[in-house]
Amino acid sequence: MSTVTAASPALGTRTVLDASAVVRALAYDEEEAQRWMSTVVSWPTLIYAEVGHVVLRLHRQQRLLLDDARRSVQALHRKRADAHRLEGLAPHAWNVALERNLTVYDACYVVLAEALDVPLVTADRPLAAATPNAVLLS
């Protein structure tokens, strides 16, 4: 499968962002990831737990100040996005995970991006390689 490297998205671009892209945008303030966060975003509802987990881990490892960690999580919850329930994604995601050697969590992003026919924006190279039209953040 092919992977597209990150470029500036056009105004009104629809995307699926995974947790790695969101953490880069919110916790690390990476410009490239922030540009993709400004698109019309969809994601599985599991992103709220995944990003919360990563941000908390970064804080516990003293790699992110508590105020910055809180700000990141709050920004995630304020972001206007089309959040898709796991009940509709998980059954198909299990099969995709099996076929493409992914976790079921990651397969939820793949299933959603492919169902919506939009790019999946990620910083995870194996995840990007698992689906056409992925955008891999550098």
Protein backbone atom coordinates (compact mmCIF):
# COMPACT_ATOMS: atom_id res chain seq x y z
CA MET A 1 0.00 0.00 0.00
CA SER A 2 1.21 3.51 -0.65
CA THR A 3 1.84 6.23 1.84
CA VAL A 4 1.65 9.93 1.07
CA THR A 5 4.03 12.18 2.95
CA ALA A 6 2.52 15.11 4.77
CA ALA A 7 1.77 18.27 2.88
CA SER A 8 -0.42 21.21 3.68
CA PRO A 9 -4.06 20.19 3.41
CA ALA A 10 -6.39 22.23 1.25
CA LEU A 11 -9.14 24.24 2.90
CA GLY A 12 -12.11 22.00 3.65
CA THR A 13 -10.11 18.77 3.41
CA ARG A 14 -11.78 15.89 5.26
CA THR A 15 -9.50 13.55 7.21
CA VAL A 16 -9.28 10.89 9.87
CA LEU A 17 -6.61 11.69 12.44
CA ASP A 18 -5.18 9.07 14.76
CA ALA A 19 -3.92 9.60 18.31
CA SER A 20 -0.28 10.01 17.24
CA ALA A 21 -1.18 12.92 14.97
CA VAL A 22 -3.37 14.56 17.61
CA VAL A 23 -0.69 14.26 20.32
CA ARG A 24 1.84 15.86 17.98
CA ALA A 25 -0.58 18.72 17.32
CA LEU A 26 -1.77 19.34 20.87
CA ALA A 27 1.01 18.26 23.22
CA TYR A 28 4.03 19.02 21.04
CA ASP A 29 2.61 21.97 19.06
CA GLU A 30 4.05 20.55 15.85
CA GLU A 31 3.10 22.84 13.00
CA GLU A 32 2.61 20.08 10.44
CA ALA A 33 0.23 18.16 12.73
CA GLN A 34 -1.61 21.36 13.65
CA ARG A 35 -2.31 22.05 9.96
CA TRP A 36 -3.98 18.64 9.70
CA MET A 37 -5.90 19.27 12.96
CA SER A 38 -7.48 22.27 11.24
CA THR A 39 -9.14 20.04 8.63
CA VAL A 40 -12.66 18.63 8.81
CA VAL A 41 -11.83 15.79 11.20
CA SER A 42 -13.39 12.42 11.87
CA TRP A 43 -12.10 9.85 14.36
CA PRO A 44 -13.24 6.89 16.43
CA THR A 45 -14.37 7.75 19.93
CA LEU A 46 -11.49 5.71 21.32
CA ILE A 47 -9.23 8.67 20.51
CA TYR A 48 -10.30 10.43 23.71
CA ALA A 49 -8.93 7.59 25.85
CA GLU A 50 -5.85 7.04 23.68
CA VAL A 51 -4.76 10.68 23.66
CA GLY A 52 -5.57 11.02 27.36
CA HIS A 53 -3.41 7.97 28.10
CA VAL A 54 -0.44 9.24 26.07
CA VAL A 55 -0.61 12.74 27.52
CA LEU A 56 -0.83 11.39 31.07
CA ARG A 57 2.14 9.08 30.39
CA LEU A 58 4.16 12.02 29.04
CA HIS A 59 3.37 13.98 32.19
CA ARG A 60 4.30 11.08 34.47
CA GLN A 61 7.59 10.74 32.59
CA GLN A 62 8.15 14.46 33.24
CA ARG A 63 8.15 15.15 29.51
CA LEU A 64 5.05 17.36 29.70
CA LEU A 65 4.10 19.83 32.41
CA LEU A 66 0.79 19.19 34.15
CA ASP A 67 -0.75 22.43 32.85
CA ASP A 68 0.30 21.56 29.30
CA ALA A 69 -1.09 18.04 29.68
CA ARG A 70 -4.42 19.39 30.90
CA ARG A 71 -4.50 21.97 28.12
CA SER A 72 -3.88 19.24 25.52
CA VAL A 73 -6.73 17.07 26.79
CA GLN A 74 -9.08 20.05 27.02
CA ALA A 75 -8.20 21.09 23.46
CA LEU A 76 -8.97 17.58 22.25
CA HIS A 77 -12.43 17.69 23.82
CA ARG A 78 -13.08 21.17 22.39
CA LYS A 79 -12.06 20.16 18.86
CA ARG A 80 -15.06 19.94 16.62
CA ALA A 81 -14.93 16.48 15.08
CA ASP A 82 -17.20 13.78 13.77
CA ALA A 83 -16.65 11.10 16.43
CA HIS A 84 -17.67 7.60 15.37
CA ARG A 85 -18.81 5.05 17.92
CA LEU A 86 -16.77 1.89 18.27
CA GLU A 87 -19.79 -0.40 17.95
CA GLY A 88 -19.96 0.41 14.27
CA LEU A 89 -16.20 0.06 13.67
CA ALA A 90 -14.96 -2.76 15.90
CA PRO A 91 -16.43 -5.80 14.14
CA HIS A 92 -14.82 -4.89 10.80
CA ALA A 93 -11.70 -3.57 12.56
CA TRP A 94 -11.02 -7.01 14.03
CA ASN A 95 -10.84 -8.52 10.54
CA VAL A 96 -8.71 -5.66 9.22
CA ALA A 97 -6.36 -6.04 12.20
CA LEU A 98 -5.99 -9.74 11.47
CA GLU A 99 -5.42 -9.24 7.73
CA ARG A 100 -3.02 -6.28 7.99
CA ASN A 101 -1.14 -7.12 11.19
CA LEU A 102 -2.50 -4.17 13.20
CA THR A 103 -3.98 -3.75 16.64
CA VAL A 104 -7.76 -3.60 16.68
CA TYR A 105 -7.40 -0.04 18.01
CA ASP A 106 -5.36 1.05 14.98
CA ALA A 107 -7.62 -0.88 12.63
CA CYS A 108 -10.55 1.27 13.81
CA TYR A 109 -8.83 4.30 12.26
CA VAL A 110 -8.17 2.38 9.04
CA VAL A 111 -11.76 1.16 8.78
CA LEU A 112 -13.09 4.67 9.34
CA ALA A 113 -10.75 6.34 6.84
CA GLU A 114 -11.50 3.74 4.20
CA ALA A 115 -15.26 3.89 4.81
CA LEU A 116 -15.22 7.68 4.48
CA ASP A 117 -12.69 7.55 1.61
CA VAL A 118 -10.50 10.20 3.24
CA PRO A 119 -6.82 10.32 4.20
CA LEU A 120 -5.71 8.78 7.48
CA VAL A 121 -3.19 11.18 9.04
CA THR A 122 -0.74 9.49 11.40
CA ALA A 123 2.82 9.59 12.71
CA ASP A 124 2.80 5.77 12.92
CA ARG A 125 4.70 4.31 9.95
CA PRO A 126 3.24 0.75 10.16
CA LEU A 127 -0.27 2.16 10.43
CA ALA A 128 0.32 4.42 7.43
CA ALA A 129 1.62 1.47 5.45
CA ALA A 130 -1.55 -0.51 6.19
CA THR A 131 -3.92 1.66 4.15
CA PRO A 132 -3.91 3.54 0.84
CA ASN A 133 -4.14 7.32 1.02
CA ALA A 134 -2.38 7.53 4.39
CA VAL A 135 -0.56 10.73 5.21
CA LEU A 136 2.55 10.07 7.29
CA LEU A 137 3.68 12.96 9.45
CA SER A 138 7.42 13.43 9.40
